[in-house]
């Protein structure tokens, strides 16, 4: 049986980065094996890179926050985004998860 080396928890999902102080950010919690480097990228549904949160950084586990902004600092549109998670090092694996951005 295949078990994933990447444990992922997203909350809240959906989230609403509208600046009202409620669910403005999404917490991305990762647990990965020791000695791994972590990449976290956000893509739109057409596969375009929206934002790189971490790029091949040495990591163990921890929280990363996405504020709903793209690389230019603008809040993204309502819709579904894809979180791409990749680990390299002794263990190599990638995983994708859907994130919903809503505006209230």
N, C-alpha and C. Protein backbone atom coordinates (compact mmCIF):
# COMPACT_ATOMS: atom_id res chain seq x y z
N UNK A 1 0.84 -1.20 0.00
CA UNK A 1 0.00 0.00 0.00
C UNK A 1 0.88 1.25 0.00
N UNK A 2 0.41 2.24 -0.70
CA UNK A 2 1.16 3.49 -0.80
C UNK A 2 0.62 4.46 0.23
N UNK A 3 1.51 4.97 1.05
CA UNK A 3 1.07 6.01 1.97
C UNK A 3 1.84 7.28 1.66
N UNK A 4 1.14 8.37 1.71
CA UNK A 4 1.74 9.64 1.34
C UNK A 4 2.70 10.11 2.42
N UNK A 5 3.80 10.72 1.99
CA UNK A 5 4.75 11.34 2.92
C UNK A 5 4.33 12.77 3.25
N UNK A 6 3.32 13.26 2.57
CA UNK A 6 2.88 14.64 2.78
C UNK A 6 1.51 14.63 3.47
N UNK A 7 1.46 15.16 4.67
CA UNK A 7 0.18 15.35 5.36
C UNK A 7 -0.18 16.82 5.21
N UNK A 8 -1.40 17.07 4.76
CA UNK A 8 -1.79 18.43 4.42
C UNK A 8 -3.11 18.77 5.09
N UNK A 9 -3.16 19.96 5.68
CA UNK A 9 -4.41 20.44 6.27
C UNK A 9 -4.60 21.90 5.85
N UNK A 10 -5.75 22.20 5.28
CA UNK A 10 -6.06 23.55 4.81
C UNK A 10 -7.25 24.09 5.60
N UNK A 11 -7.08 25.26 6.20
CA UNK A 11 -8.23 25.83 6.90
C UNK A 11 -8.10 27.36 6.97
N UNK A 12 -9.19 28.09 6.85
CA UNK A 12 -10.49 27.59 6.38
C UNK A 12 -10.48 27.45 4.87
N UNK A 13 -11.25 26.53 4.38
CA UNK A 13 -11.36 26.32 2.93
C UNK A 13 -12.81 25.99 2.62
N UNK A 14 -13.54 26.91 1.96
CA UNK A 14 -13.10 28.12 1.27
C UNK A 14 -12.73 29.25 2.24
N UNK A 15 -11.98 30.23 1.70
CA UNK A 15 -11.68 31.43 2.47
C UNK A 15 -12.00 32.65 1.62
N UNK A 16 -12.11 33.81 2.30
CA UNK A 16 -12.54 35.03 1.61
C UNK A 16 -11.59 36.18 1.91
N UNK A 17 -10.59 36.39 1.04
CA UNK A 17 -9.61 37.45 1.28
C UNK A 17 -10.14 38.83 0.92
N UNK A 18 -11.18 39.26 1.65
CA UNK A 18 -11.82 40.54 1.31
C UNK A 18 -11.52 41.63 2.34
N UNK A 19 -10.61 41.35 3.28
CA UNK A 19 -10.19 42.38 4.22
C UNK A 19 -11.15 42.68 5.35
N UNK A 20 -12.15 41.79 5.57
CA UNK A 20 -13.10 42.06 6.65
C UNK A 20 -12.64 41.47 7.99
N UNK A 21 -11.45 40.87 8.02
CA UNK A 21 -10.93 40.32 9.26
C UNK A 21 -11.46 38.94 9.58
N UNK A 22 -12.27 38.37 8.70
CA UNK A 22 -12.85 37.05 8.93
C UNK A 22 -12.49 36.13 7.78
N UNK A 23 -11.76 35.07 8.08
CA UNK A 23 -11.33 34.09 7.05
C UNK A 23 -10.60 34.76 5.88
N UNK A 24 -9.76 35.75 6.18
CA UNK A 24 -9.04 36.48 5.13
C UNK A 24 -7.83 35.71 4.59
N UNK A 25 -7.36 34.73 5.35
CA UNK A 25 -6.19 33.96 4.94
C UNK A 25 -6.50 32.48 5.10
N UNK A 26 -5.77 31.67 4.34
CA UNK A 26 -5.88 30.23 4.51
C UNK A 26 -4.58 29.73 5.12
N UNK A 27 -4.71 28.90 6.14
CA UNK A 27 -3.55 28.27 6.77
C UNK A 27 -3.27 26.96 6.07
N UNK A 28 -2.04 26.81 5.62
CA UNK A 28 -1.61 25.59 4.95
C UNK A 28 -0.65 24.89 5.91
N UNK A 29 -1.11 23.78 6.47
CA UNK A 29 -0.28 23.04 7.40
C UNK A 29 0.26 21.81 6.70
N UNK A 30 1.58 21.66 6.73
CA UNK A 30 2.23 20.51 6.10
C UNK A 30 3.04 19.75 7.13
N UNK A 31 2.95 18.45 7.05
CA UNK A 31 3.86 17.59 7.79
C UNK A 31 4.56 16.73 6.75
N UNK A 32 5.88 16.83 6.74
CA UNK A 32 6.67 16.11 5.74
C UNK A 32 7.84 15.42 6.44
N UNK A 33 8.49 14.46 5.76
CA UNK A 33 9.60 13.74 6.40
C UNK A 33 10.80 14.65 6.67
N UNK A 34 11.57 14.28 7.66
CA UNK A 34 12.81 14.99 7.98
C UNK A 34 13.73 15.02 6.77
N UNK A 35 14.48 16.10 6.64
CA UNK A 35 15.45 16.19 5.56
C UNK A 35 14.86 16.48 4.20
N UNK A 36 13.62 16.95 4.18
CA UNK A 36 12.97 17.25 2.90
C UNK A 36 12.99 18.75 2.63
N UNK A 37 12.99 19.08 1.35
CA UNK A 37 12.79 20.47 0.94
C UNK A 37 11.36 20.60 0.45
N UNK A 38 10.75 21.73 0.73
CA UNK A 38 9.33 21.91 0.46
C UNK A 38 9.11 23.03 -0.55
N UNK A 39 8.25 22.76 -1.53
CA UNK A 39 7.81 23.77 -2.49
C UNK A 39 6.29 23.88 -2.37
N UNK A 40 5.79 25.11 -2.26
CA UNK A 40 4.35 25.37 -2.24
C UNK A 40 4.07 26.43 -3.28
N UNK A 41 3.23 26.08 -4.26
CA UNK A 41 2.86 27.03 -5.31
C UNK A 41 1.36 27.02 -5.49
N UNK A 42 0.83 28.17 -5.87
CA UNK A 42 -0.60 28.31 -6.14
C UNK A 42 -0.77 28.53 -7.64
N UNK A 43 -1.65 27.73 -8.24
CA UNK A 43 -1.96 27.85 -9.67
C UNK A 43 -3.45 28.12 -9.83
N UNK A 44 -3.80 28.75 -10.96
CA UNK A 44 -5.23 28.84 -11.28
C UNK A 44 -5.64 27.56 -12.01
N UNK A 45 -6.93 27.43 -12.31
CA UNK A 45 -7.41 26.18 -12.92
C UNK A 45 -6.87 25.98 -14.34
N UNK A 46 -6.36 27.04 -14.95
CA UNK A 46 -5.78 26.89 -16.29
C UNK A 46 -4.30 26.53 -16.21
N UNK A 47 -3.79 26.35 -14.99
CA UNK A 47 -2.41 25.94 -14.83
C UNK A 47 -1.38 27.06 -14.81
N UNK A 48 -1.88 28.30 -14.70
CA UNK A 48 -0.95 29.43 -14.63
C UNK A 48 -0.51 29.64 -13.19
N UNK A 49 0.80 29.87 -13.02
CA UNK A 49 1.33 30.11 -11.68
C UNK A 49 0.84 31.46 -11.17
N UNK A 50 0.22 31.46 -10.00
CA UNK A 50 -0.31 32.67 -9.39
C UNK A 50 0.67 33.21 -8.35
N UNK A 51 1.21 32.31 -7.54
CA UNK A 51 2.10 32.75 -6.46
C UNK A 51 2.94 31.58 -5.97
N UNK A 52 4.20 31.85 -5.69
CA UNK A 52 5.08 30.86 -5.07
C UNK A 52 5.20 31.23 -3.60
N UNK A 53 4.77 30.32 -2.72
CA UNK A 53 4.85 30.57 -1.28
C UNK A 53 6.18 30.10 -0.72
N UNK A 54 6.62 28.93 -1.14
CA UNK A 54 7.93 28.39 -0.75
C UNK A 54 8.52 27.74 -1.98
N UNK A 55 9.81 27.91 -2.18
CA UNK A 55 10.45 27.30 -3.33
C UNK A 55 11.66 26.48 -2.88
N UNK A 56 11.47 25.17 -2.76
CA UNK A 56 12.54 24.24 -2.44
C UNK A 56 13.27 24.63 -1.15
N UNK A 57 12.48 24.96 -0.12
CA UNK A 57 13.04 25.38 1.16
C UNK A 57 13.19 24.19 2.10
N UNK A 58 14.30 24.11 2.84
CA UNK A 58 14.41 23.06 3.84
C UNK A 58 13.29 23.25 4.87
N UNK A 59 12.56 22.20 5.15
CA UNK A 59 11.42 22.32 6.07
C UNK A 59 11.18 20.99 6.75
N UNK A 60 10.51 21.04 7.87
CA UNK A 60 10.10 19.81 8.53
C UNK A 60 8.59 19.78 8.48
N UNK A 61 8.00 20.72 9.15
CA UNK A 61 6.56 20.86 9.12
C UNK A 61 6.28 22.26 9.59
N UNK A 62 5.06 22.64 9.48
CA UNK A 62 4.74 23.98 9.94
C UNK A 62 3.64 24.59 9.13
N UNK A 63 3.33 25.82 9.49
CA UNK A 63 2.23 26.52 8.86
C UNK A 63 2.75 27.55 7.88
N UNK A 64 2.10 27.61 6.75
CA UNK A 64 2.33 28.68 5.80
C UNK A 64 0.97 29.32 5.59
N UNK A 65 0.96 30.62 5.39
CA UNK A 65 -0.31 31.32 5.21
C UNK A 65 -0.34 31.90 3.80
N UNK A 66 -1.49 31.73 3.12
CA UNK A 66 -1.70 32.42 1.85
C UNK A 66 -2.78 33.46 2.07
N UNK A 67 -2.46 34.70 1.71
CA UNK A 67 -3.38 35.82 1.93
C UNK A 67 -4.32 36.06 0.75
N UNK A 68 -4.31 35.15 -0.22
CA UNK A 68 -5.21 35.32 -1.37
C UNK A 68 -4.69 36.28 -2.41
N UNK A 69 -3.41 36.65 -2.30
CA UNK A 69 -2.85 37.60 -3.26
C UNK A 69 -1.94 36.88 -4.25
N UNK A 70 -1.88 37.45 -5.46
CA UNK A 70 -0.99 36.89 -6.48
C UNK A 70 0.42 37.47 -6.30
N UNK A 71 1.30 37.16 -7.22
CA UNK A 71 2.69 37.60 -7.12
C UNK A 71 2.82 39.13 -7.16
N UNK A 72 1.83 39.80 -7.76
CA UNK A 72 1.87 41.27 -7.84
C UNK A 72 1.22 41.93 -6.62
N UNK A 73 0.75 41.13 -5.68
CA UNK A 73 0.14 41.68 -4.48
C UNK A 73 -1.32 42.03 -4.61
N UNK A 74 -1.96 41.58 -5.70
CA UNK A 74 -3.39 41.85 -5.88
C UNK A 74 -4.19 40.62 -5.44
N UNK A 75 -5.34 40.88 -4.85
CA UNK A 75 -6.20 39.78 -4.42
C UNK A 75 -6.76 39.07 -5.65
N UNK A 76 -6.68 37.75 -5.62
CA UNK A 76 -7.15 36.96 -6.76
C UNK A 76 -8.67 36.98 -6.85
N UNK A 77 -9.15 36.57 -8.01
CA UNK A 77 -10.60 36.52 -8.23
C UNK A 77 -11.21 35.31 -7.53
N UNK A 78 -12.52 35.38 -7.33
CA UNK A 78 -13.26 34.25 -6.80
C UNK A 78 -13.05 33.04 -7.72
N UNK A 79 -12.88 31.90 -7.14
CA UNK A 79 -12.74 30.69 -7.94
C UNK A 79 -11.95 29.61 -7.23
N UNK A 80 -11.64 28.58 -7.97
CA UNK A 80 -10.89 27.45 -7.46
C UNK A 80 -9.43 27.61 -7.86
N UNK A 81 -8.55 27.41 -6.91
CA UNK A 81 -7.11 27.46 -7.14
C UNK A 81 -6.51 26.13 -6.73
N UNK A 82 -5.37 25.82 -7.29
CA UNK A 82 -4.72 24.55 -7.01
C UNK A 82 -3.44 24.82 -6.23
N UNK A 83 -3.37 24.19 -5.06
CA UNK A 83 -2.15 24.24 -4.27
C UNK A 83 -1.29 23.06 -4.70
N UNK A 84 -0.09 23.35 -5.17
CA UNK A 84 0.86 22.31 -5.57
C UNK A 84 1.91 22.20 -4.48
N UNK A 85 2.02 21.01 -3.91
CA UNK A 85 2.95 20.74 -2.83
C UNK A 85 3.96 19.73 -3.33
N UNK A 86 5.23 20.03 -3.17
CA UNK A 86 6.25 19.09 -3.62
C UNK A 86 7.35 18.98 -2.58
N UNK A 87 7.79 17.75 -2.32
CA UNK A 87 8.95 17.56 -1.47
C UNK A 87 10.05 16.90 -2.28
N UNK A 88 11.29 17.31 -1.99
CA UNK A 88 12.45 16.70 -2.63
C UNK A 88 13.45 16.37 -1.53
N UNK A 89 14.41 15.56 -1.87
CA UNK A 89 15.38 15.10 -0.89
C UNK A 89 15.33 13.58 -0.87
N UNK A 90 15.43 13.01 0.31
CA UNK A 90 15.38 11.55 0.43
C UNK A 90 14.05 11.01 -0.10
N UNK A 91 12.98 11.71 0.23
CA UNK A 91 11.64 11.37 -0.27
C UNK A 91 11.30 12.37 -1.36
N UNK A 92 10.74 11.87 -2.45
CA UNK A 92 10.26 12.77 -3.51
C UNK A 92 8.79 12.48 -3.74
N UNK A 93 8.01 13.52 -3.67
CA UNK A 93 6.57 13.33 -3.85
C UNK A 93 5.93 14.68 -4.15
N UNK A 94 4.81 14.66 -4.83
CA UNK A 94 4.04 15.88 -5.01
C UNK A 94 2.58 15.57 -4.79
N UNK A 95 1.85 16.61 -4.46
CA UNK A 95 0.44 16.47 -4.12
C UNK A 95 -0.24 17.76 -4.55
N UNK A 96 -1.51 17.65 -4.91
CA UNK A 96 -2.29 18.84 -5.26
C UNK A 96 -3.54 18.88 -4.38
N UNK A 97 -3.96 20.07 -4.07
CA UNK A 97 -5.19 20.26 -3.32
C UNK A 97 -5.91 21.48 -3.85
N UNK A 98 -7.24 21.43 -3.82
CA UNK A 98 -8.05 22.56 -4.31
C UNK A 98 -8.30 23.54 -3.17
N UNK A 99 -8.19 24.82 -3.50
CA UNK A 99 -8.51 25.89 -2.56
C UNK A 99 -9.59 26.75 -3.20
N UNK A 100 -10.65 27.01 -2.45
CA UNK A 100 -11.72 27.86 -2.97
C UNK A 100 -11.61 29.26 -2.39
N UNK A 101 -11.60 30.24 -3.28
CA UNK A 101 -11.58 31.65 -2.87
C UNK A 101 -12.96 32.21 -3.16
N UNK A 102 -13.59 32.77 -2.11
CA UNK A 102 -14.92 33.37 -2.29
C UNK A 102 -14.86 34.80 -1.79
N UNK A 103 -15.73 35.63 -2.32
CA UNK A 103 -15.87 36.99 -1.80
C UNK A 103 -17.29 37.10 -1.29
N UNK A 104 -17.39 37.59 -0.06
CA UNK A 104 -18.74 37.68 0.53
C UNK A 104 -19.35 39.03 0.22
